[in-house]
């Protein structure tokens, strides 16, 4: 079981390239396969952290790899949506650019401060992942963005601001920080109880 978390992370990484490839090659015909991989990918993301903590293999290297796989996975789904239904993305291109800019900014700040990318796996980032599942289900399955897109966008903006504050508040790099409030507690040397199923 100790190798299962790494296998689940690898699955998401491979799935990202498969999603990108089939969407580029087959366009709309690839949608059912992309949807299946998207849901399996989210399930793998939930399970890998739980299993890693249960078997005490949630190392910094593993959690960093998990974060990179998550980013690659959702980016591939976003690009696939653009390939298949370009207008759904282009109609909201400004909002998408702001979101991508926030993602890049968070990475740059973490790299400048710690020489490592962030791997906080915060509550709000997990919530954003669920809203991404909803919005891409709506876009790919029903060719509709609507209110679910804006809900995901708002959650995404807030999650990135929280992630930025986590990076700024932490005195040294660490992984699995539930929120910027918890980063503040770490900064002050105040201990707190972690939920093994959520972080």
Protein backbone atom coordinates (compact mmCIF):
# COMPACT_ATOMS: atom_id res chain seq x y z
CA UNK A 1 0.00 0.00 0.00
CA UNK A 2 2.97 2.34 0.48
CA UNK A 3 3.39 2.67 -3.27
CA UNK A 4 -0.30 3.31 -3.98
CA UNK A 5 -0.15 7.13 -3.46
CA UNK A 6 2.68 7.43 -5.98
CA UNK A 7 0.76 5.22 -8.42
CA UNK A 8 -2.33 7.43 -8.05
CA UNK A 9 -0.27 10.56 -8.67
CA UNK A 10 1.34 8.92 -11.71
CA UNK A 11 -2.13 8.03 -12.99
CA UNK A 12 -3.13 11.71 -12.97
CA UNK A 13 0.06 12.70 -14.73
CA UNK A 14 -0.45 10.10 -17.45
CA UNK A 15 -4.15 10.95 -17.69
CA UNK A 16 -3.25 14.60 -18.31
CA UNK A 17 -1.23 13.70 -21.42
CA UNK A 18 -3.90 11.25 -22.62
CA UNK A 19 -6.62 13.89 -22.20
CA UNK A 20 -4.54 16.45 -24.05
CA UNK A 21 -3.76 14.00 -26.86
CA UNK A 22 -7.23 12.64 -27.49
CA UNK A 23 -8.86 16.06 -27.30
CA UNK A 24 -6.43 17.41 -29.89
CA UNK A 25 -6.84 14.37 -32.14
CA UNK A 26 -10.54 13.57 -31.81
CA UNK A 27 -12.12 16.80 -30.52
CA UNK A 28 -15.79 16.33 -29.54
CA UNK A 29 -15.66 12.55 -29.97
CA UNK A 30 -13.18 12.42 -27.08
CA UNK A 31 -15.53 14.07 -24.57
CA UNK A 32 -16.88 10.84 -22.95
CA UNK A 33 -13.35 9.54 -22.39
CA UNK A 34 -12.19 12.88 -20.99
CA UNK A 35 -15.13 12.95 -18.58
CA UNK A 36 -14.35 9.46 -17.29
CA UNK A 37 -10.66 10.31 -16.81
CA UNK A 38 -11.58 13.59 -15.12
CA UNK A 39 -13.72 11.87 -12.48
CA UNK A 40 -11.18 9.09 -11.97
CA UNK A 41 -8.49 11.74 -11.63
CA UNK A 42 -10.39 13.57 -8.90
CA UNK A 43 -11.00 10.32 -7.02
CA UNK A 44 -7.28 9.52 -7.25
CA UNK A 45 -6.47 12.99 -5.90
CA UNK A 46 -8.69 12.45 -2.88
CA UNK A 47 -7.34 8.98 -2.15
CA UNK A 48 -3.61 9.56 -2.59
CA UNK A 49 -3.31 11.98 0.33
CA UNK A 50 -5.47 9.88 2.65
CA UNK A 51 -3.53 6.70 1.89
CA UNK A 52 -0.17 8.46 2.13
CA UNK A 53 -0.96 9.83 5.58
CA UNK A 54 -2.42 6.54 6.79
CA UNK A 55 0.75 4.68 5.83
CA UNK A 56 3.03 7.57 6.87
CA UNK A 57 4.56 8.09 3.45
CA UNK A 58 3.32 11.67 2.95
CA UNK A 59 6.82 13.04 2.39
CA UNK A 60 7.55 16.52 1.14
CA UNK A 61 8.72 15.09 -2.19
CA UNK A 62 5.50 13.13 -2.63
CA UNK A 63 3.29 16.11 -1.76
CA UNK A 64 5.23 18.35 -4.15
CA UNK A 65 4.78 15.78 -6.90
CA UNK A 66 1.08 15.61 -6.04
CA UNK A 67 0.74 19.38 -6.49
CA UNK A 68 2.49 19.29 -9.87
CA UNK A 69 0.29 16.43 -11.05
CA UNK A 70 -2.83 18.35 -9.98
CA UNK A 71 -1.77 21.44 -11.90
CA UNK A 72 -0.92 19.44 -15.03
CA UNK A 73 -4.16 17.47 -14.79
CA UNK A 74 -6.51 20.44 -14.57
CA UNK A 75 -4.52 22.43 -17.12
CA UNK A 76 -4.88 19.58 -19.61
CA UNK A 77 -8.65 19.53 -19.08
CA UNK A 78 -8.82 23.31 -19.54
CA UNK A 79 -6.81 23.10 -22.78
CA UNK A 80 -8.98 20.21 -23.95
CA UNK A 81 -12.09 22.26 -23.37
CA UNK A 82 -10.53 25.05 -25.41
CA UNK A 83 -9.73 22.63 -28.25
CA UNK A 84 -13.21 21.14 -28.31
CA UNK A 85 -15.43 24.13 -27.47
CA UNK A 86 -13.21 27.20 -27.98
CA UNK A 87 -16.02 29.73 -27.59
CA UNK A 88 -16.71 28.58 -24.03
CA UNK A 89 -13.19 29.64 -23.11
CA UNK A 90 -12.89 32.66 -25.39
CA UNK A 91 -16.13 34.12 -24.05
CA UNK A 92 -14.45 34.31 -20.63
CA UNK A 93 -10.86 34.79 -21.73
CA UNK A 94 -10.17 37.80 -19.47
CA UNK A 95 -11.30 35.95 -16.34
CA UNK A 96 -9.30 32.89 -17.35
CA UNK A 97 -6.17 35.00 -17.94
CA UNK A 98 -6.51 36.57 -14.49
CA UNK A 99 -6.84 33.13 -12.93
CA UNK A 100 -3.80 31.79 -14.79
CA UNK A 101 -1.85 34.91 -13.81
CA UNK A 102 -2.68 34.29 -10.15
CA UNK A 103 -1.47 30.70 -10.51
CA UNK A 104 1.82 31.84 -12.01
CA UNK A 105 2.20 34.59 -9.39
CA UNK A 106 1.72 32.11 -6.52
CA UNK A 107 4.40 29.85 -8.00
CA UNK A 108 6.82 32.72 -8.54
CA UNK A 109 6.41 34.04 -4.99
CA UNK A 110 6.98 30.58 -3.52
CA UNK A 111 10.02 29.98 -5.72
CA UNK A 112 11.50 33.34 -4.80
CA UNK A 113 10.94 32.85 -1.07
CA UNK A 114 11.63 29.13 -0.63
CA UNK A 115 13.25 28.00 -3.91
CA UNK A 116 10.36 25.50 -4.08
CA UNK A 117 6.86 25.58 -5.51
CA UNK A 118 4.02 25.63 -2.98
CA UNK A 119 2.36 22.39 -1.91
CA UNK A 120 -0.07 23.61 0.71
CA UNK A 121 -3.06 21.46 -0.33
CA UNK A 122 -5.26 23.97 1.48
CA UNK A 123 -8.98 23.55 2.16
CA UNK A 124 -9.94 26.25 -0.34
CA UNK A 125 -7.78 24.69 -3.05
CA UNK A 126 -9.54 21.37 -2.49
CA UNK A 127 -12.91 23.13 -2.71
CA UNK A 128 -11.79 24.80 -5.93
CA UNK A 129 -10.96 21.36 -7.34
CA UNK A 130 -14.55 20.28 -6.73
CA UNK A 131 -15.89 23.39 -8.47
CA UNK A 132 -13.54 22.71 -11.41
CA UNK A 133 -15.06 19.26 -11.70
CA UNK A 134 -18.52 20.86 -11.81
CA UNK A 135 -17.62 23.54 -14.35
CA UNK A 136 -15.81 21.19 -16.73
CA UNK A 137 -18.67 18.71 -16.45
CA UNK A 138 -21.00 21.54 -17.47
CA UNK A 139 -18.74 22.75 -20.29
CA UNK A 140 -17.80 19.40 -21.77
CA UNK A 141 -21.03 17.56 -21.04
CA UNK A 142 -23.55 20.30 -21.81
CA UNK A 143 -21.56 22.98 -23.68
CA UNK A 144 -22.59 25.46 -21.00
CA UNK A 145 -20.59 27.63 -18.62
CA UNK A 146 -23.16 29.84 -16.87
CA UNK A 147 -23.36 30.37 -13.13
CA UNK A 148 -21.22 27.35 -12.27
CA UNK A 149 -18.32 28.95 -14.15
CA UNK A 150 -18.54 32.13 -12.09
CA UNK A 151 -18.84 30.19 -8.82
CA UNK A 152 -15.69 28.25 -9.72
CA UNK A 153 -13.96 31.45 -10.77
CA UNK A 154 -14.71 33.21 -7.48
CA UNK A 155 -13.63 30.18 -5.44
CA UNK A 156 -10.48 29.98 -7.57
CA UNK A 157 -9.61 33.63 -6.99
CA UNK A 158 -10.12 33.28 -3.22
CA UNK A 159 -8.16 30.01 -3.10
CA UNK A 160 -5.20 31.63 -4.85
CA UNK A 161 -5.21 34.61 -2.49
CA UNK A 162 -5.30 32.19 0.46
CA UNK A 163 -2.42 30.23 -1.08
CA UNK A 164 -0.44 33.44 -1.55
CA UNK A 165 -0.92 34.40 2.10
CA UNK A 166 0.12 30.90 3.17
CA UNK A 167 3.40 31.37 1.30
CA UNK A 168 3.95 34.85 2.71
CA UNK A 169 3.16 33.84 6.30
CA UNK A 170 5.13 30.61 6.52
CA UNK A 171 8.55 31.17 8.12
CA UNK A 172 9.92 28.18 6.19
CA UNK A 173 8.61 25.91 3.45
CA UNK A 174 6.27 23.15 4.51
CA UNK A 175 3.52 21.14 2.88
CA UNK A 176 -0.11 20.43 3.78
CA UNK A 177 -1.09 23.74 5.36
CA UNK A 178 -4.91 23.91 5.66
CA UNK A 179 -5.27 27.71 5.31
CA UNK A 180 -3.54 31.05 5.71
CA UNK A 181 -4.87 31.11 9.28
CA UNK A 182 -3.01 27.86 9.96
CA UNK A 183 0.09 29.34 8.31
CA UNK A 184 -0.20 32.21 10.82
CA UNK A 185 -0.39 29.66 13.67
CA UNK A 186 2.74 27.95 12.33
CA UNK A 187 4.48 31.32 12.15
CA UNK A 188 3.61 31.96 15.81
CA UNK A 189 4.64 28.46 16.88
CA UNK A 190 1.09 27.51 17.88
CA UNK A 191 0.24 23.85 17.37
CA UNK A 192 -3.07 22.72 15.88
CA UNK A 193 -4.79 19.42 15.14
CA UNK A 194 -4.85 18.27 11.55
CA UNK A 195 -7.73 16.38 9.96
CA UNK A 196 -6.21 13.24 8.39
CA UNK A 197 -8.96 13.09 5.77
CA UNK A 198 -8.88 16.71 4.66
CA UNK A 199 -5.20 17.63 4.89
